[in-house]
Structures are given as structure tokens and as C-alpha cells.
C-alpha atoms as a PDB file:
ATOM      1  CA  UNK A   1     -63.364 -24.296 -11.470  1.00  0.00           C
ATOM      2  CA  UNK A   2     -61.490 -21.658 -13.479  1.00  0.00           C
ATOM      3  CA  UNK A   3     -60.814 -19.703 -10.263  1.00  0.00           C
ATOM      4  CA  UNK A   4     -59.219 -22.796  -8.694  1.00  0.00           C
ATOM      5  CA  UNK A   5     -56.993 -23.308 -11.752  1.00  0.00           C
ATOM      6  CA  UNK A   6     -55.901 -19.668 -11.735  1.00  0.00           C
ATOM      7  CA  UNK A   7     -55.141 -19.869  -8.003  1.00  0.00           C
ATOM      8  CA  UNK A   8     -53.107 -23.027  -8.533  1.00  0.00           C
ATOM      9  CA  UNK A   9     -51.128 -21.382 -11.353  1.00  0.00           C
ATOM     10  CA  UNK A  10     -50.428 -18.344  -9.143  1.00  0.00           C
ATOM     11  CA  UNK A  11     -49.203 -20.576  -6.310  1.00  0.00           C
ATOM     12  CA  UNK A  12     -46.900 -22.461  -8.687  1.00  0.00           C
ATOM     13  CA  UNK A  13     -45.476 -19.186 -10.050  1.00  0.00           C
ATOM     14  CA  UNK A  14     -44.885 -17.853  -6.516  1.00  0.00           C
ATOM     15  CA  UNK A  15     -43.136 -21.099  -5.567  1.00  0.00           C
ATOM     16  CA  UNK A  16     -40.872 -20.905  -8.641  1.00  0.00           C
ATOM     17  CA  UNK A  17     -40.016 -17.263  -7.935  1.00  0.00           C
ATOM     18  CA  UNK A  18     -39.318 -18.008  -4.259  1.00  0.00           C
ATOM     19  CA  UNK A  19     -37.065 -20.943  -5.173  1.00  0.00           C
ATOM     20  CA  UNK A  20     -35.181 -18.778  -7.696  1.00  0.00           C
ATOM     21  CA  UNK A  21     -34.581 -16.050  -5.083  1.00  0.00           C
ATOM     22  CA  UNK A  22     -33.486 -18.672  -2.540  1.00  0.00           C
ATOM     23  CA  UNK A  23     -31.009 -20.210  -4.989  1.00  0.00           C
ATOM     24  CA  UNK A  24     -29.595 -16.811  -5.948  1.00  0.00           C
ATOM     25  CA  UNK A  25     -29.190 -15.824  -2.295  1.00  0.00           C
ATOM     26  CA  UNK A  26     -27.562 -19.134  -1.487  1.00  0.00           C
ATOM     27  CA  UNK A  27     -25.065 -18.695  -4.334  1.00  0.00           C
ATOM     28  CA  UNK A  28     -24.344 -15.130  -3.194  1.00  0.00           C
ATOM     29  CA  UNK A  29     -23.788 -16.205   0.403  1.00  0.00           C
ATOM     30  CA  UNK A  30     -21.602 -19.123  -0.631  1.00  0.00           C
ATOM     31  CA  UNK A  31     -19.363 -16.815  -2.676  1.00  0.00           C
ATOM     32  CA  UNK A  32     -19.081 -14.300   0.179  1.00  0.00           C
ATOM     33  CA  UNK A  33     -16.304 -16.215   1.900  1.00  0.00           C
ATOM     34  CA  UNK A  34     -15.216 -14.964   5.309  1.00  0.00           C
ATOM     35  CA  UNK A  35     -11.630 -13.776   5.395  1.00  0.00           C
ATOM     36  CA  UNK A  36     -11.322 -13.608   9.169  1.00  0.00           C
ATOM     37  CA  UNK A  37     -13.076 -14.575  12.340  1.00  0.00           C
ATOM     38  CA  UNK A  38     -12.456 -13.755  15.993  1.00  0.00           C
ATOM     39  CA  UNK A  39     -12.415 -15.749  19.225  1.00  0.00           C
ATOM     40  CA  UNK A  40     -11.795 -14.818  22.869  1.00  0.00           C
ATOM     41  CA  UNK A  41      -9.788 -16.767  25.426  1.00  0.00           C
ATOM     42  CA  UNK A  42      -9.205 -16.226  29.114  1.00  0.00           C
ATOM     43  CA  UNK A  43      -7.256 -18.420  31.540  1.00  0.00           C
ATOM     44  CA  UNK A  44      -6.482 -20.782  28.679  1.00  0.00           C
ATOM     45  CA  UNK A  45     -10.155 -21.419  27.857  1.00  0.00           C
ATOM     46  CA  UNK A  46     -12.262 -20.297  24.913  1.00  0.00           C
ATOM     47  CA  UNK A  47     -15.100 -18.050  26.092  1.00  0.00           C
ATOM     48  CA  UNK A  48     -18.406 -18.334  24.252  1.00  0.00           C
ATOM     49  CA  UNK A  49     -19.597 -15.256  22.375  1.00  0.00           C
ATOM     50  CA  UNK A  50     -23.383 -14.813  22.246  1.00  0.00           C
ATOM     51  CA  UNK A  51     -25.054 -12.081  20.246  1.00  0.00           C
ATOM     52  CA  UNK A  52     -21.753 -10.255  19.680  1.00  0.00           C
ATOM     53  CA  UNK A  53     -21.204 -10.087  23.446  1.00  0.00           C
ATOM     54  CA  UNK A  54     -18.928 -11.961  25.813  1.00  0.00           C
ATOM     55  CA  UNK A  55     -18.602 -11.876  29.605  1.00  0.00           C
ATOM     56  CA  UNK A  56     -15.108 -11.964  31.108  1.00  0.00           C
ATOM     57  CA  UNK A  57     -13.446 -11.530  34.457  1.00  0.00           C
ATOM     58  CA  UNK A  58     -11.702  -8.185  34.783  1.00  0.00           C
ATOM     59  CA  UNK A  59      -8.295  -9.700  34.129  1.00  0.00           C
ATOM     60  CA  UNK A  60      -6.016 -10.344  31.112  1.00  0.00           C
ATOM     61  CA  UNK A  61      -7.605 -11.961  28.056  1.00  0.00           C
ATOM     62  CA  UNK A  62      -6.576 -12.924  24.536  1.00  0.00           C
ATOM     63  CA  UNK A  63      -8.144 -11.967  21.226  1.00  0.00           C
ATOM     64  CA  UNK A  64      -7.586 -14.599  18.546  1.00  0.00           C
ATOM     65  CA  UNK A  65      -7.903 -13.564  14.914  1.00  0.00           C
ATOM     66  CA  UNK A  66      -8.020 -16.305  12.286  1.00  0.00           C
ATOM     67  CA  UNK A  67      -7.027 -15.298   8.757  1.00  0.00           C
ATOM     68  CA  UNK A  68      -8.077 -17.501   5.860  1.00  0.00           C
ATOM     69  CA  UNK A  69      -5.281 -16.220   3.612  1.00  0.00           C
ATOM     70  CA  UNK A  70      -1.719 -15.855   4.869  1.00  0.00           C
ATOM     71  CA  UNK A  71      -0.852 -13.527   1.980  1.00  0.00           C
ATOM     72  CA  UNK A  72      -3.587 -11.067   3.016  1.00  0.00           C
ATOM     73  CA  UNK A  73      -3.471 -11.217   6.814  1.00  0.00           C
ATOM     74  CA  UNK A  74      -4.433  -7.770   8.048  1.00  0.00           C
ATOM     75  CA  UNK A  75      -7.332  -6.150   9.832  1.00  0.00           C
ATOM     76  CA  UNK A  76      -8.446  -2.786  11.217  1.00  0.00           C
ATOM     77  CA  UNK A  77      -9.635  -2.913  14.826  1.00  0.00           C
ATOM     78  CA  UNK A  78     -11.224  -0.116  16.812  1.00  0.00           C
ATOM     79  CA  UNK A  79     -11.339  -0.590  20.586  1.00  0.00           C
ATOM     80  CA  UNK A  80     -13.266   1.964  22.609  1.00  0.00           C
ATOM     81  CA  UNK A  81     -14.855   2.488  26.014  1.00  0.00           C
ATOM     82  CA  UNK A  82     -17.727   4.217  24.199  1.00  0.00           C
ATOM     83  CA  UNK A  83     -20.428   2.201  22.384  1.00  0.00           C
ATOM     84  CA  UNK A  84     -20.722   4.668  19.476  1.00  0.00           C
ATOM     85  CA  UNK A  85     -18.711   2.767  16.856  1.00  0.00           C
ATOM     86  CA  UNK A  86     -20.055  -0.592  18.013  1.00  0.00           C
ATOM     87  CA  UNK A  87     -23.636   0.632  17.594  1.00  0.00           C
ATOM     88  CA  UNK A  88     -22.875   2.177  14.192  1.00  0.00           C
ATOM     89  CA  UNK A  89     -21.375  -1.109  12.972  1.00  0.00           C
ATOM     90  CA  UNK A  90     -24.375  -2.972  14.373  1.00  0.00           C
ATOM     91  CA  UNK A  91     -26.744  -0.681  12.436  1.00  0.00           C
ATOM     92  CA  UNK A  92     -24.888  -1.354   9.194  1.00  0.00           C
ATOM     93  CA  UNK A  93     -23.383   2.092   8.661  1.00  0.00           C
ATOM     94  CA  UNK A  94     -20.548   2.272   6.146  1.00  0.00           C
ATOM     95  CA  UNK A  95     -16.943   2.238   7.319  1.00  0.00           C
ATOM     96  CA  UNK A  96     -16.622   5.953   6.502  1.00  0.00           C
ATOM     97  CA  UNK A  97     -19.549   6.740   8.811  1.00  0.00           C
ATOM     98  CA  UNK A  98     -18.153   4.875  11.817  1.00  0.00           C
ATOM     99  CA  UNK A  99     -16.310   7.151  14.244  1.00  0.00           C
ATOM    100  CA  UNK A 100     -13.652   4.599  15.141  1.00  0.00           C
ATOM    101  CA  UNK A 101     -12.274   4.608  11.589  1.00  0.00           C
ATOM    102  CA  UNK A 102     -12.121   8.352  10.941  1.00  0.00           C
ATOM    103  CA  UNK A 103      -8.336   8.515  11.465  1.00  0.00           C
ATOM    104  CA  UNK A 104      -5.542   6.383  10.043  1.00  0.00           C
ATOM    105  CA  UNK A 105      -4.225   3.307  11.822  1.00  0.00           C
ATOM    106  CA  UNK A 106      -2.350   3.928  15.067  1.00  0.00           C
ATOM    107  CA  UNK A 107       1.395   3.292  15.239  1.00  0.00           C
ATOM    108  CA  UNK A 108       2.245   0.562  17.715  1.00  0.00           C
ATOM    109  CA  UNK A 109       5.023  -1.847  18.567  1.00  0.00           C
ATOM    110  CA  UNK A 110       5.727  -5.092  16.738  1.00  0.00           C
ATOM    111  CA  UNK A 111       4.819  -8.458  18.223  1.00  0.00           C
ATOM    112  CA  UNK A 112       2.746  -6.945  21.056  1.00  0.00           C
ATOM    113  CA  UNK A 113       5.688  -7.184  23.441  1.00  0.00           C
ATOM    114  CA  UNK A 114       4.045  -5.137  26.208  1.00  0.00           C
ATOM    115  CA  UNK A 115       0.613  -6.804  25.931  1.00  0.00           C
ATOM    116  CA  UNK A 116      -1.444  -3.635  25.730  1.00  0.00           C
ATOM    117  CA  UNK A 117      -4.469  -2.380  23.821  1.00  0.00           C
ATOM    118  CA  UNK A 118      -4.857   1.222  22.674  1.00  0.00           C
ATOM    119  CA  UNK A 119      -8.301   2.673  23.364  1.00  0.00           C
ATOM    120  CA  UNK A 120      -9.614   5.356  21.004  1.00  0.00           C
ATOM    121  CA  UNK A 121     -12.954   6.746  19.842  1.00  0.00           C
ATOM    122  CA  UNK A 122     -11.660   7.779  16.427  1.00  0.00           C
ATOM    123  CA  UNK A 123      -8.637   5.681  15.384  1.00  0.00           C
ATOM    124  CA  UNK A 124      -8.180   1.977  14.650  1.00  0.00           C
ATOM    125  CA  UNK A 125      -5.377  -0.466  15.248  1.00  0.00           C
ATOM    126  CA  UNK A 126      -3.814  -1.982  12.148  1.00  0.00           C
ATOM    127  CA  UNK A 127      -2.975  -5.584  12.977  1.00  0.00           C
ATOM    128  CA  UNK A 128      -1.147  -7.551  10.316  1.00  0.00           C
ATOM    129  CA  UNK A 129       1.141 -10.491   9.656  1.00  0.00           C
ATOM    130  CA  UNK A 130       3.897 -10.276   7.043  1.00  0.00           C
ATOM    131  CA  UNK A 131       6.326 -12.871   8.355  1.00  0.00           C
ATOM    132  CA  UNK A 132       7.618 -14.336  11.627  1.00  0.00           C
ATOM    133  CA  UNK A 133       9.656 -11.211  12.356  1.00  0.00           C
ATOM    134  CA  UNK A 134       7.135  -8.618  11.205  1.00  0.00           C
ATOM    135  CA  UNK A 135       3.654  -8.742  12.722  1.00  0.00           C
ATOM    136  CA  UNK A 136       1.579  -7.238  15.546  1.00  0.00           C
ATOM    137  CA  UNK A 137       0.625 -10.327  17.504  1.00  0.00           C
ATOM    138  CA  UNK A 138       2.344 -12.101  20.369  1.00  0.00           C
ATOM    139  CA  UNK A 139       1.650 -15.602  19.085  1.00  0.00           C
ATOM    140  CA  UNK A 140       1.276 -17.121  15.607  1.00  0.00           C
ATOM    141  CA  UNK A 141       0.212 -20.617  14.604  1.00  0.00           C
ATOM    142  CA  UNK A 142       0.078 -21.644  10.964  1.00  0.00           C
ATOM    143  CA  UNK A 143      -1.841 -24.648   9.663  1.00  0.00           C
ATOM    144  CA  UNK A 144      -2.872 -25.480   6.092  1.00  0.00           C
ATOM    145  CA  UNK A 145      -2.333 -21.896   4.965  1.00  0.00           C
ATOM    146  CA  UNK A 146      -4.560 -20.471   7.694  1.00  0.00           C
ATOM    147  CA  UNK A 147      -3.136 -18.222  10.405  1.00  0.00           C
ATOM    148  CA  UNK A 148      -4.167 -18.210  14.051  1.00  0.00           C
ATOM    149  CA  UNK A 149      -2.942 -14.925  15.525  1.00  0.00           C
ATOM    150  CA  UNK A 150      -3.092 -14.254  19.265  1.00  0.00           C
ATOM    151  CA  UNK A 151      -3.169 -10.768  20.777  1.00  0.00           C
ATOM    152  CA  UNK A 152      -3.032 -10.804  24.589  1.00  0.00           C
ATOM    153  CA  UNK A 153      -4.355  -7.798  26.508  1.00  0.00           C
ATOM    154  CA  UNK A 154      -2.992  -7.171  30.007  1.00  0.00           C
ATOM    155  CA  UNK A 155      -3.476  -3.399  30.079  1.00  0.00           C
ATOM    156  CA  UNK A 156      -5.018  -0.575  28.081  1.00  0.00           C
ATOM    157  CA  UNK A 157      -3.558   2.730  26.896  1.00  0.00           C
ATOM    158  CA  UNK A 158      -5.905   5.745  26.820  1.00  0.00           C
ATOM    159  CA  UNK A 159      -4.734   7.081  23.470  1.00  0.00           C
ATOM    160  CA  UNK A 160      -7.155  10.036  23.133  1.00  0.00           C
ATOM    161  CA  UNK A 161      -6.566  11.587  26.563  1.00  0.00           C
ATOM    162  CA  UNK A 162      -3.902  10.877  29.172  1.00  0.00           C
ATOM    163  CA  UNK A 163      -2.015   8.177  27.233  1.00  0.00           C
ATOM    164  CA  UNK A 164      -1.665   6.380  30.536  1.00  0.00           C
ATOM    165  CA  UNK A 165      -1.263   2.617  30.739  1.00  0.00           C
ATOM    166  CA  UNK A 166      -3.777   0.976  33.063  1.00  0.00           C
ATOM    167  CA  UNK A 167      -3.883  -2.671  34.122  1.00  0.00           C
ATOM    168  CA  UNK A 168      -7.098  -4.392  33.086  1.00  0.00           C
ATOM    169  CA  UNK A 169      -7.874  -5.165  36.733  1.00  0.00           C
ATOM    170  CA  UNK A 170      -7.740  -1.441  37.583  1.00  0.00           C
ATOM    171  CA  UNK A 171      -9.863   0.137  34.851  1.00  0.00           C
ATOM    172  CA  UNK A 172     -13.047   1.843  36.053  1.00  0.00           C
ATOM    173  CA  UNK A 173     -15.210   0.860  33.100  1.00  0.00           C
ATOM    174  CA  UNK A 174     -16.908  -2.514  32.784  1.00  0.00           C
ATOM    175  CA  UNK A 175     -17.166  -2.629  28.970  1.00  0.00           C
ATOM    176  CA  UNK A 176     -14.818  -2.485  26.004  1.00  0.00           C
ATOM    177  CA  UNK A 177     -16.355  -2.215  22.534  1.00  0.00           C
ATOM    178  CA  UNK A 178     -14.639  -3.615  19.434  1.00  0.00           C
ATOM    179  CA  UNK A 179     -15.268  -3.222  15.719  1.00  0.00           C
ATOM    180  CA  UNK A 180     -13.234  -5.408  13.358  1.00  0.00           C
ATOM    181  CA  UNK A 181     -12.944  -4.405   9.697  1.00  0.00           C
ATOM    182  CA  UNK A 182     -11.320  -6.066   6.716  1.00  0.00           C
ATOM    183  CA  UNK A 183     -10.885  -3.414   4.022  1.00  0.00           C
ATOM    184  CA  UNK A 184      -9.237  -2.933   0.654  1.00  0.00           C
ATOM    185  CA  UNK A 185      -7.602   0.299  -0.496  1.00  0.00           C
ATOM    186  CA  UNK A 186      -7.433   1.777  -3.993  1.00  0.00           C
ATOM    187  CA  UNK A 187      -4.061   2.320  -5.692  1.00  0.00           C
ATOM    188  CA  UNK A 188      -3.322   5.724  -4.171  1.00  0.00           C
ATOM    189  CA  UNK A 189      -4.711   4.797  -0.742  1.00  0.00           C
ATOM    190  CA  UNK A 190      -7.330   7.564  -0.827  1.00  0.00           C
ATOM    191  CA  UNK A 191     -10.333   5.292  -0.457  1.00  0.00           C
ATOM    192  CA  UNK A 192     -11.027   2.075   1.406  1.00  0.00           C
ATOM    193  CA  UNK A 193     -13.786  -0.420   0.683  1.00  0.00           C
ATOM    194  CA  UNK A 194     -15.141  -2.739   3.336  1.00  0.00           C
ATOM    195  CA  UNK A 195     -14.810  -6.459   2.701  1.00  0.00           C
ATOM    196  CA  UNK A 196     -15.996  -7.902   6.014  1.00  0.00           C
ATOM    197  CA  UNK A 197     -16.912  -6.661   9.479  1.00  0.00           C
ATOM    198  CA  UNK A 198     -17.555  -7.994  12.941  1.00  0.00           C
ATOM    199  CA  UNK A 199     -18.187  -6.311  16.271  1.00  0.00           C
ATOM    200  CA  UNK A 200     -17.912  -7.400  19.882  1.00  0.00           C
ATOM    201  CA  UNK A 201     -18.763  -6.102  23.319  1.00  0.00           C
ATOM    202  CA  UNK A 202     -16.677  -7.351  26.235  1.00  0.00           C
ATOM    203  CA  UNK A 203     -18.528  -7.053  29.523  1.00  0.00           C
ATOM    204  CA  UNK A 204     -16.496  -7.509  32.687  1.00  0.00           C
ATOM    205  CA  UNK A 205     -18.344  -9.315  35.452  1.00  0.00           C
ATOM    206  CA  UNK A 206     -17.500 -10.026  39.065  1.00  0.00           C
ATOM    207  CA  UNK A 207     -16.298 -13.483  39.940  1.00  0.00           C
ATOM    208  CA  UNK A 208     -18.481 -15.664  42.103  1.00  0.00           C
ATOM    209  CA  UNK A 209     -16.345 -16.385  45.149  1.00  0.00           C
ATOM    210  CA  UNK A 210     -16.979 -19.732  46.769  1.00  0.00           C
ATOM    211  CA  UNK A 211     -17.145 -20.232  50.502  1.00  0.00           C
END
């Protein structure tokens, strides 16, 4: 009888401890508010992302970045033909350990006028929105303080090698790997701390031709 009572007490204690951990985790997750999220569109349609991967036709597409706060709308983005940074981000390595963020942000044109994406193994894009005349997107929609920023990709630029511009339809590779990072810098910009990350693999697939 005493054994049964002791077992019951142990079960109750385990239940209380489990509930406490659950509540603490739930509070932690609720306070960890996302500051951005990413969507993909092609031919005017949203394309479903599954398991950090999306299948597209080898033709122009649009990355859509949603920012929760207009006053802090910026993001580091590494785009590479190599999976190294993608896999490092997937494994949870720190931003300083990910190859695609070893260098500073690449200089690029405002408002994405030429619809291109720079490809690099070691340097990120710095996409931001300051105002209607100063940003690195080709389309901005604002609603209830949230920003929807569109970045259309019609060609890539091989930043680490030839610096050639290649139309998406003509690239030899069938994958582009992205790592998205929201980071904060210290006062003298010598150290950055990760706030949020996401990563995405675009896989180009052949169209099924009818008839």
C-alpha cells in the first residue's frame, strides 16, 4: 500500500514539473516574436515552401520579405550555389561560423532596378527599407505598420568569380541556397548578435509540357 502511495506521489510531482516546464517554454516562445518572414512567388502565385525547400520553374521569381516593424526593416541575406551556409544554418551554427556571413554586406543598387541577385559563398546582401526613396526592393506595400517588401530575381551575378550577369533561365545549376539573418550590432559595429534566422533551398524543376 505504501509503495502505491509513493508511486502516486512521484507521478504527481513529475506531472507538476512537466507542466511547469511546459508553461515556461510557452512563455519563452510567446515572447520570441518573429521580426520577419519570407514567401516566394512565381507567375503571380504564392509557391508553397515545405521543409525549407521550394520547387520553381527555372524562370524569374520574387522573394517577399515581411517586416513586423517598419522602423527596423533590415535583413542580411546570403544567396549561394553551394549548400555550405544553408547546411550550417540548418545545424544551428552561430552567425559567425556560417561562411556566407564572413564578409560585410555587399554594395548594390537601390530599389533593385535591374532585378538581379548577387551570388556569393562568403558575403551577404543587406536589404533594408528606410523610406520610399531609400530601400533595396522593387516593390513596397505598407499595412498596419507592417511592410511587405518584394525583391524580384530575373538574373544572377556571380560575385565571387566572373561577376557576369546570367539570366535565370540560362544558369547551369538547379539549386540556389538562401540564409536569412536578422542581427543587431553593438555600438561600434564590431560584433553582431543574431535575432532570428531562416533558410531556404530553391530547386528548379522542369515544366511538365502538355500534349
